[in-house]
Amino acid sequence: MIIAPITVLINLARRGKVANLPARQLAPDGSGKAPMDPGKPLLARPGTIIGILIPFAVVALVLVAATLSAMSEA
């Protein structure tokens, strides 16, 4: 819970360097393979949406459980 946000901030700081790298090129002698198709953008993939929704669902369930527990004690 402490290290993950720090890692995200470090990755955001370094993202600019990676984003500015030139596109991959074939070797000068013509050997090698062309770069693969990167596919759909990350947020257009269904697994990403599910992965984002799970933490929100867990927080919502905890809040509902806490609210119901508080109501039953009153």
PDB file of N, CA and C in Angstrom:
ATOM      1  N   MET A   1       0.819  -1.198   0.000  1.00  0.00           N
ATOM      2  CA  MET A   1       0.000   0.000   0.000  1.00  0.00           C
ATOM      3  C   MET A   1       0.864   1.263   0.000  1.00  0.00           C
ATOM      4  N   ILE A   2       2.086   1.138   0.429  1.00  0.00           N
ATOM      5  CA  ILE A   2       2.964   2.299   0.466  1.00  0.00           C
ATOM      6  C   ILE A   2       3.834   2.344  -0.783  1.00  0.00           C
ATOM      7  N   ILE A   3       4.363   1.205  -1.171  1.00  0.00           N
ATOM      8  CA  ILE A   3       5.313   1.157  -2.273  1.00  0.00           C
ATOM      9  C   ILE A   3       4.622   1.340  -3.631  1.00  0.00           C
ATOM     10  N   ALA A   4       3.410   0.836  -3.789  1.00  0.00           N
ATOM     11  CA  ALA A   4       2.726   0.911  -5.087  1.00  0.00           C
ATOM     12  C   ALA A   4       2.535   2.354  -5.572  1.00  0.00           C
ATOM     13  N   PRO A   5       2.026   3.263  -4.755  1.00  0.00           N
ATOM     14  CA  PRO A   5       1.879   4.647  -5.251  1.00  0.00           C
ATOM     15  C   PRO A   5       3.222   5.300  -5.586  1.00  0.00           C
ATOM     16  N   ILE A   6       4.253   4.985  -4.801  1.00  0.00           N
ATOM     17  CA  ILE A   6       5.579   5.537  -5.087  1.00  0.00           C
ATOM     18  C   ILE A   6       6.074   5.014  -6.427  1.00  0.00           C
ATOM     19  N   THR A   7       5.875   3.725  -6.678  1.00  0.00           N
ATOM     20  CA  THR A   7       6.292   3.130  -7.945  1.00  0.00           C
ATOM     21  C   THR A   7       5.536   3.760  -9.111  1.00  0.00           C
ATOM     22  N   VAL A   8       4.256   4.010  -8.939  1.00  0.00           N
ATOM     23  CA  VAL A   8       3.468   4.655  -9.997  1.00  0.00           C
ATOM     24  C   VAL A   8       4.014   6.041 -10.306  1.00  0.00           C
ATOM     25  N   LEU A   9       4.349   6.801  -9.273  1.00  0.00           N
ATOM     26  CA  LEU A   9       4.901   8.141  -9.494  1.00  0.00           C
ATOM     27  C   LEU A   9       6.247   8.085 -10.215  1.00  0.00           C
ATOM     28  N   ILE A  10       7.093   7.129  -9.834  1.00  0.00           N
ATOM     29  CA  ILE A  10       8.378   6.968 -10.508  1.00  0.00           C
ATOM     30  C   ILE A  10       8.161   6.608 -11.973  1.00  0.00           C
ATOM     31  N   ASN A  11       7.225   5.687 -12.229  1.00  0.00           N
ATOM     32  CA  ASN A  11       6.942   5.285 -13.612  1.00  0.00           C
ATOM     33  C   ASN A  11       6.397   6.453 -14.430  1.00  0.00           C
ATOM     34  N   LEU A  12       5.553   7.283 -13.825  1.00  0.00           N
ATOM     35  CA  LEU A  12       5.030   8.448 -14.542  1.00  0.00           C
ATOM     36  C   LEU A  12       6.154   9.416 -14.897  1.00  0.00           C
ATOM     37  N   ALA A  13       7.102   9.565 -13.994  1.00  0.00           N
ATOM     38  CA  ALA A  13       8.220  10.469 -14.259  1.00  0.00           C
ATOM     39  C   ALA A  13       9.090   9.947 -15.405  1.00  0.00           C
ATOM     40  N   ARG A  14       9.235   8.648 -15.500  1.00  0.00           N
ATOM     41  CA  ARG A  14      10.097   8.059 -16.525  1.00  0.00           C
ATOM     42  C   ARG A  14       9.369   7.778 -17.832  1.00  0.00           C
ATOM     43  N   ARG A  15       8.065   7.894 -17.831  1.00  0.00           N
ATOM     44  CA  ARG A  15       7.278   7.577 -19.018  1.00  0.00           C
ATOM     45  C   ARG A  15       7.654   8.463 -20.198  1.00  0.00           C
ATOM     46  N   GLY A  16       7.946   9.720 -19.938  1.00  0.00           N
ATOM     47  CA  GLY A  16       8.298  10.653 -21.002  1.00  0.00           C
ATOM     48  C   GLY A  16       9.522  10.207 -21.781  1.00  0.00           C
ATOM     49  N   LYS A  17      10.507   9.676 -21.070  1.00  0.00           N
ATOM     50  CA  LYS A  17      11.708   9.191 -21.738  1.00  0.00           C
ATOM     51  C   LYS A  17      11.378   8.049 -22.692  1.00  0.00           C
ATOM     52  N   VAL A  18      10.574   7.137 -22.232  1.00  0.00           N
ATOM     53  CA  VAL A  18      10.220   5.974 -23.040  1.00  0.00           C
ATOM     54  C   VAL A  18       9.331   6.388 -24.208  1.00  0.00           C
ATOM     55  N   ALA A  19       8.407   7.298 -23.970  1.00  0.00           N
ATOM     56  CA  ALA A  19       7.500   7.735 -25.027  1.00  0.00           C
ATOM     57  C   ALA A  19       8.239   8.456 -26.159  1.00  0.00           C
ATOM     58  N   ASN A  20       9.383   9.057 -25.856  1.00  0.00           N
ATOM     59  CA  ASN A  20      10.127   9.794 -26.869  1.00  0.00           C
ATOM     60  C   ASN A  20      11.134   8.938 -27.628  1.00  0.00           C
ATOM     61  N   LEU A  21      11.199   7.647 -27.322  1.00  0.00           N
ATOM     62  CA  LEU A  21      12.108   6.780 -28.056  1.00  0.00           C
ATOM     63  C   LEU A  21      11.650   6.650 -29.508  1.00  0.00           C
ATOM     64  N   PRO A  22      12.577   6.538 -30.438  1.00  0.00           N
ATOM     65  CA  PRO A  22      12.165   6.359 -31.837  1.00  0.00           C
ATOM     66  C   PRO A  22      11.559   4.974 -32.050  1.00  0.00           C
ATOM     67  N   ALA A  23      10.800   4.833 -33.127  1.00  0.00           N
ATOM     68  CA  ALA A  23      10.196   3.539 -33.449  1.00  0.00           C
ATOM     69  C   ALA A  23      11.293   2.520 -33.737  1.00  0.00           C
ATOM     70  N   ARG A  24      10.998   1.273 -33.464  1.00  0.00           N
ATOM     71  CA  ARG A  24      11.969   0.209 -33.699  1.00  0.00           C
ATOM     72  C   ARG A  24      12.240   0.066 -35.188  1.00  0.00           C
ATOM     73  N   GLN A  25      13.486  -0.115 -35.521  1.00  0.00           N
ATOM     74  CA  GLN A  25      13.896  -0.236 -36.914  1.00  0.00           C
ATOM     75  C   GLN A  25      14.502  -1.617 -37.146  1.00  0.00           C
ATOM     76  N   LEU A  26      14.481  -2.054 -38.400  1.00  0.00           N
ATOM     77  CA  LEU A  26      15.160  -3.293 -38.759  1.00  0.00           C
ATOM     78  C   LEU A  26      16.667  -3.086 -38.665  1.00  0.00           C
ATOM     79  N   ALA A  27      17.401  -4.156 -38.517  1.00  0.00           N
ATOM     80  CA  ALA A  27      18.856  -4.079 -38.476  1.00  0.00           C
ATOM     81  C   ALA A  27      19.374  -3.525 -39.806  1.00  0.00           C
ATOM     82  N   PRO A  28      20.525  -2.861 -39.795  1.00  0.00           N
ATOM     83  CA  PRO A  28      21.062  -2.280 -41.042  1.00  0.00           C
ATOM     84  C   PRO A  28      21.288  -3.311 -42.145  1.00  0.00           C
ATOM     85  N   ASP A  29      21.583  -4.552 -41.769  1.00  0.00           N
ATOM     86  CA  ASP A  29      21.821  -5.568 -42.796  1.00  0.00           C
ATOM     87  C   ASP A  29      20.518  -6.197 -43.305  1.00  0.00           C
ATOM     88  N   GLY A  30      19.367  -5.733 -42.808  1.00  0.00           N
ATOM     89  CA  GLY A  30      18.076  -6.243 -43.275  1.00  0.00           C
ATOM     90  C   GLY A  30      17.588  -7.462 -42.519  1.00  0.00           C
ATOM     91  N   SER A  31      18.392  -7.949 -41.601  1.00  0.00           N
ATOM     92  CA  SER A  31      17.954  -9.113 -40.829  1.00  0.00           C
ATOM     93  C   SER A  31      17.005  -8.668 -39.723  1.00  0.00           C
ATOM     94  N   GLY A  32      16.337  -9.606 -39.158  1.00  0.00           N
ATOM     95  CA  GLY A  32      15.404  -9.301 -38.082  1.00  0.00           C
ATOM     96  C   GLY A  32      13.976  -9.256 -38.585  1.00  0.00           C
ATOM     97  N   LYS A  33      13.079  -9.091 -37.655  1.00  0.00           N
ATOM     98  CA  LYS A  33      11.657  -9.063 -37.987  1.00  0.00           C
ATOM     99  C   LYS A  33      11.114  -7.658 -37.790  1.00  0.00           C
ATOM    100  N   ALA A  34      10.063  -7.363 -38.498  1.00  0.00           N
ATOM    101  CA  ALA A  34       9.386  -6.078 -38.329  1.00  0.00           C
ATOM    102  C   ALA A  34       8.695  -6.076 -36.961  1.00  0.00           C
ATOM    103  N   PRO A  35       8.482  -4.913 -36.384  1.00  0.00           N
ATOM    104  CA  PRO A  35       7.802  -4.840 -35.090  1.00  0.00           C
ATOM    105  C   PRO A  35       6.394  -5.437 -35.168  1.00  0.00           C
ATOM    106  N   MET A  36       5.964  -6.028 -34.066  1.00  0.00           N
ATOM    107  CA  MET A  36       4.619  -6.605 -34.007  1.00  0.00           C
ATOM    108  C   MET A  36       3.583  -5.497 -33.886  1.00  0.00           C
ATOM    109  N   ASP A  37       2.357  -5.813 -34.275  1.00  0.00           N
ATOM    110  CA  ASP A  37       1.242  -4.896 -34.118  1.00  0.00           C
ATOM    111  C   ASP A  37       0.956  -4.746 -32.624  1.00  0.00           C
ATOM    112  N   PRO A  38       0.892  -3.527 -32.105  1.00  0.00           N
ATOM    113  CA  PRO A  38       0.673  -3.362 -30.667  1.00  0.00           C
ATOM    114  C   PRO A  38      -0.739  -3.735 -30.215  1.00  0.00           C
ATOM    115  N   GLY A  39      -1.666  -3.876 -31.126  1.00  0.00           N
ATOM    116  CA  GLY A  39      -3.027  -4.257 -30.745  1.00  0.00           C
ATOM    117  C   GLY A  39      -3.854  -3.059 -30.314  1.00  0.00           C
ATOM    118  N   LYS A  40      -4.974  -3.357 -29.651  1.00  0.00           N
ATOM    119  CA  LYS A  40      -5.875  -2.305 -29.187  1.00  0.00           C
ATOM    120  C   LYS A  40      -5.200  -1.480 -28.092  1.00  0.00           C
ATOM    121  N   PRO A  41      -5.616  -0.232 -27.961  1.00  0.00           N
ATOM    122  CA  PRO A  41      -5.124   0.552 -26.819  1.00  0.00           C
ATOM    123  C   PRO A  41      -5.541  -0.117 -25.504  1.00  0.00           C
ATOM    124  N   LEU A  42      -4.781   0.093 -24.480  1.00  0.00           N
ATOM    125  CA  LEU A  42      -4.991  -0.591 -23.215  1.00  0.00           C
ATOM    126  C   LEU A  42      -6.404  -0.407 -22.668  1.00  0.00           C
ATOM    127  N   LEU A  43      -6.916   0.813 -22.694  1.00  0.00           N
ATOM    128  CA  LEU A  43      -8.241   1.058 -22.130  1.00  0.00           C
ATOM    129  C   LEU A  43      -9.373   0.550 -23.015  1.00  0.00           C
ATOM    130  N   ALA A  44      -9.072   0.062 -24.216  1.00  0.00           N
ATOM    131  CA  ALA A  44     -10.090  -0.505 -25.095  1.00  0.00           C
ATOM    132  C   ALA A  44     -10.204  -2.015 -24.907  1.00  0.00           C
ATOM    133  N   ARG A  45      -9.383  -2.586 -24.046  1.00  0.00           N
ATOM    134  CA  ARG A  45      -9.405  -4.034 -23.812  1.00  0.00           C
ATOM    135  C   ARG A  45     -10.332  -4.352 -22.649  1.00  0.00           C
ATOM    136  N   PRO A  46     -11.153  -5.414 -22.769  1.00  0.00           N
ATOM    137  CA  PRO A  46     -12.118  -5.715 -21.704  1.00  0.00           C
ATOM    138  C   PRO A  46     -11.456  -6.078 -20.373  1.00  0.00           C
ATOM    139  N   GLY A  47     -10.329  -6.733 -20.392  1.00  0.00           N
ATOM    140  CA  GLY A  47      -9.657  -7.118 -19.149  1.00  0.00           C
ATOM    141  C   GLY A  47      -9.245  -5.918 -18.323  1.00  0.00           C
ATOM    142  N   THR A  48      -8.896  -4.836 -18.983  1.00  0.00           N
ATOM    143  CA  THR A  48      -8.485  -3.628 -18.272  1.00  0.00           C
ATOM    144  C   THR A  48      -9.670  -3.025 -17.531  1.00  0.00           C
ATOM    145  N   ILE A  49     -10.804  -2.968 -18.196  1.00  0.00           N
ATOM    146  CA  ILE A  49     -11.996  -2.392 -17.566  1.00  0.00           C
ATOM    147  C   ILE A  49     -12.384  -3.217 -16.346  1.00  0.00           C
ATOM    148  N   ILE A  50     -12.336  -4.529 -16.470  1.00  0.00           N
ATOM    149  CA  ILE A  50     -12.660  -5.407 -15.339  1.00  0.00           C
ATOM    150  C   ILE A  50     -11.659  -5.181 -14.211  1.00  0.00           C
ATOM    151  N   GLY A  51     -10.390  -5.086 -14.558  1.00  0.00           N
ATOM    152  CA  GLY A  51      -9.359  -4.866 -13.550  1.00  0.00           C
ATOM    153  C   GLY A  51      -9.516  -3.537 -12.830  1.00  0.00           C
ATOM    154  N   ILE A  52     -10.023  -2.537 -13.521  1.00  0.00           N
ATOM    155  CA  ILE A  52     -10.258  -1.238 -12.896  1.00  0.00           C
ATOM    156  C   ILE A  52     -11.496  -1.293 -11.997  1.00  0.00           C
ATOM    157  N   LEU A  53     -12.509  -2.036 -12.424  1.00  0.00           N
ATOM    158  CA  LEU A  53     -13.763  -2.072 -11.664  1.00  0.00           C
ATOM    159  C   LEU A  53     -13.673  -2.884 -10.379  1.00  0.00           C
ATOM    160  N   ILE A  54     -12.805  -3.875 -10.322  1.00  0.00           N
ATOM    161  CA  ILE A  54     -12.723  -4.743  -9.136  1.00  0.00           C
ATOM    162  C   ILE A  54     -12.394  -3.950  -7.874  1.00  0.00           C
ATOM    163  N   PRO A  55     -11.360  -3.102  -7.844  1.00  0.00           N
ATOM    164  CA  PRO A  55     -11.106  -2.348  -6.601  1.00  0.00           C
ATOM    165  C   PRO A  55     -12.273  -1.438  -6.209  1.00  0.00           C
ATOM    166  N   PHE A  56     -12.934  -0.830  -7.200  1.00  0.00           N
ATOM    167  CA  PHE A  56     -14.088   0.008  -6.878  1.00  0.00           C
ATOM    168  C   PHE A  56     -15.217  -0.826  -6.276  1.00  0.00           C
ATOM    169  N   ALA A  57     -15.428  -2.027  -6.789  1.00  0.00           N
ATOM    170  CA  ALA A  57     -16.463  -2.905  -6.250  1.00  0.00           C
ATOM    171  C   ALA A  57     -16.129  -3.324  -4.822  1.00  0.00           C
ATOM    172  N   VAL A  58     -14.870  -3.620  -4.560  1.00  0.00           N
ATOM    173  CA  VAL A  58     -14.459  -4.009  -3.203  1.00  0.00           C
ATOM    174  C   VAL A  58     -14.685  -2.860  -2.227  1.00  0.00           C
ATOM    175  N   VAL A  59     -14.303  -1.651  -2.605  1.00  0.00           N
ATOM    176  CA  VAL A  59     -14.506  -0.491  -1.736  1.00  0.00           C
ATOM    177  C   VAL A  59     -15.999  -0.268  -1.505  1.00  0.00           C
ATOM    178  N   ALA A  60     -16.813  -0.405  -2.540  1.00  0.00           N
ATOM    179  CA  ALA A  60     -18.257  -0.227  -2.393  1.00  0.00           C
ATOM    180  C   ALA A  60     -18.837  -1.269  -1.445  1.00  0.00           C
ATOM    181  N   LEU A  61     -18.390  -2.526  -1.562  1.00  0.00           N
ATOM    182  CA  LEU A  61     -18.882  -3.569  -0.668  1.00  0.00           C
ATOM    183  C   LEU A  61     -18.489  -3.306   0.778  1.00  0.00           C
ATOM    184  N   VAL A  62     -17.281  -2.840   1.001  1.00  0.00           N
ATOM    185  CA  VAL A  62     -16.838  -2.523   2.364  1.00  0.00           C
ATOM    186  C   VAL A  62     -17.670  -1.380   2.934  1.00  0.00           C
ATOM    187  N   LEU A  63     -17.927  -0.352   2.127  1.00  0.00           N
ATOM    188  CA  LEU A  63     -18.747   0.773   2.598  1.00  0.00           C
ATOM    189  C   LEU A  63     -20.170   0.333   2.907  1.00  0.00           C
ATOM    190  N   VAL A  64     -20.742  -0.498   2.064  1.00  0.00           N
ATOM    191  CA  VAL A  64     -22.109  -0.988   2.305  1.00  0.00           C
ATOM    192  C   VAL A  64     -22.134  -1.832   3.574  1.00  0.00           C
ATOM    193  N   ALA A  65     -21.147  -2.707   3.747  1.00  0.00           N
ATOM    194  CA  ALA A  65     -21.097  -3.545   4.942  1.00  0.00           C
ATOM    195  C   ALA A  65     -20.935  -2.694   6.200  1.00  0.00           C
ATOM    196  N   ALA A  66     -20.105  -1.660   6.128  1.00  0.00           N
ATOM    197  CA  ALA A  66     -19.910  -0.785   7.288  1.00  0.00           C
ATOM    198  C   ALA A  66     -21.183  -0.016   7.602  1.00  0.00           C
ATOM    199  N   THR A  67     -21.871   0.430   6.582  1.00  0.00           N
ATOM    200  CA  THR A  67     -23.123   1.173   6.778  1.00  0.00           C
ATOM    201  C   THR A  67     -24.187   0.271   7.386  1.00  0.00           C
ATOM    202  N   LEU A  68     -24.326  -0.936   6.862  1.00  0.00           N
ATOM    203  CA  LEU A  68     -25.316  -1.867   7.415  1.00  0.00           C
ATOM    204  C   LEU A  68     -24.980  -2.262   8.841  1.00  0.00           C
ATOM    205  N   SER A  69     -23.687  -2.425   9.141  1.00  0.00           N
ATOM    206  CA  SER A  69     -23.272  -2.772  10.487  1.00  0.00           C
ATOM    207  C   SER A  69     -23.600  -1.621  11.448  1.00  0.00           C
ATOM    208  N   ALA A  70     -23.356  -0.382  11.036  1.00  0.00           N
ATOM    209  CA  ALA A  70     -23.646   0.771  11.873  1.00  0.00           C
ATOM    210  C   ALA A  70     -25.143   0.921  12.097  1.00  0.00           C
ATOM    211  N   MET A  71     -25.937   0.616  11.071  1.00  0.00           N
ATOM    212  CA  MET A  71     -27.391   0.730  11.201  1.00  0.00           C
ATOM    213  C   MET A  71     -27.956  -0.335  12.123  1.00  0.00           C
ATOM    214  N   SER A  72     -27.368  -1.530  12.099  1.00  0.00           N
ATOM    215  CA  SER A  72     -27.888  -2.597  12.950  1.00  0.00           C
ATOM    216  C   SER A  72     -27.509  -2.397  14.417  1.00  0.00           C
ATOM    217  N   GLU A  73     -26.441  -1.653  14.698  1.00  0.00           N
ATOM    218  CA  GLU A  73     -26.043  -1.370  16.068  1.00  0.00           C
ATOM    219  C   GLU A  73     -26.882  -0.261  16.672  1.00  0.00           C
ATOM    220  N   ALA A  74     -27.442   0.594  15.845  1.00  0.00           N
ATOM    221  CA  ALA A  74     -28.210   1.736  16.360  1.00  0.00           C
ATOM    222  C   ALA A  74     -29.587   1.359  16.772  1.00  0.00           C
TER     223      ALA A  74
END
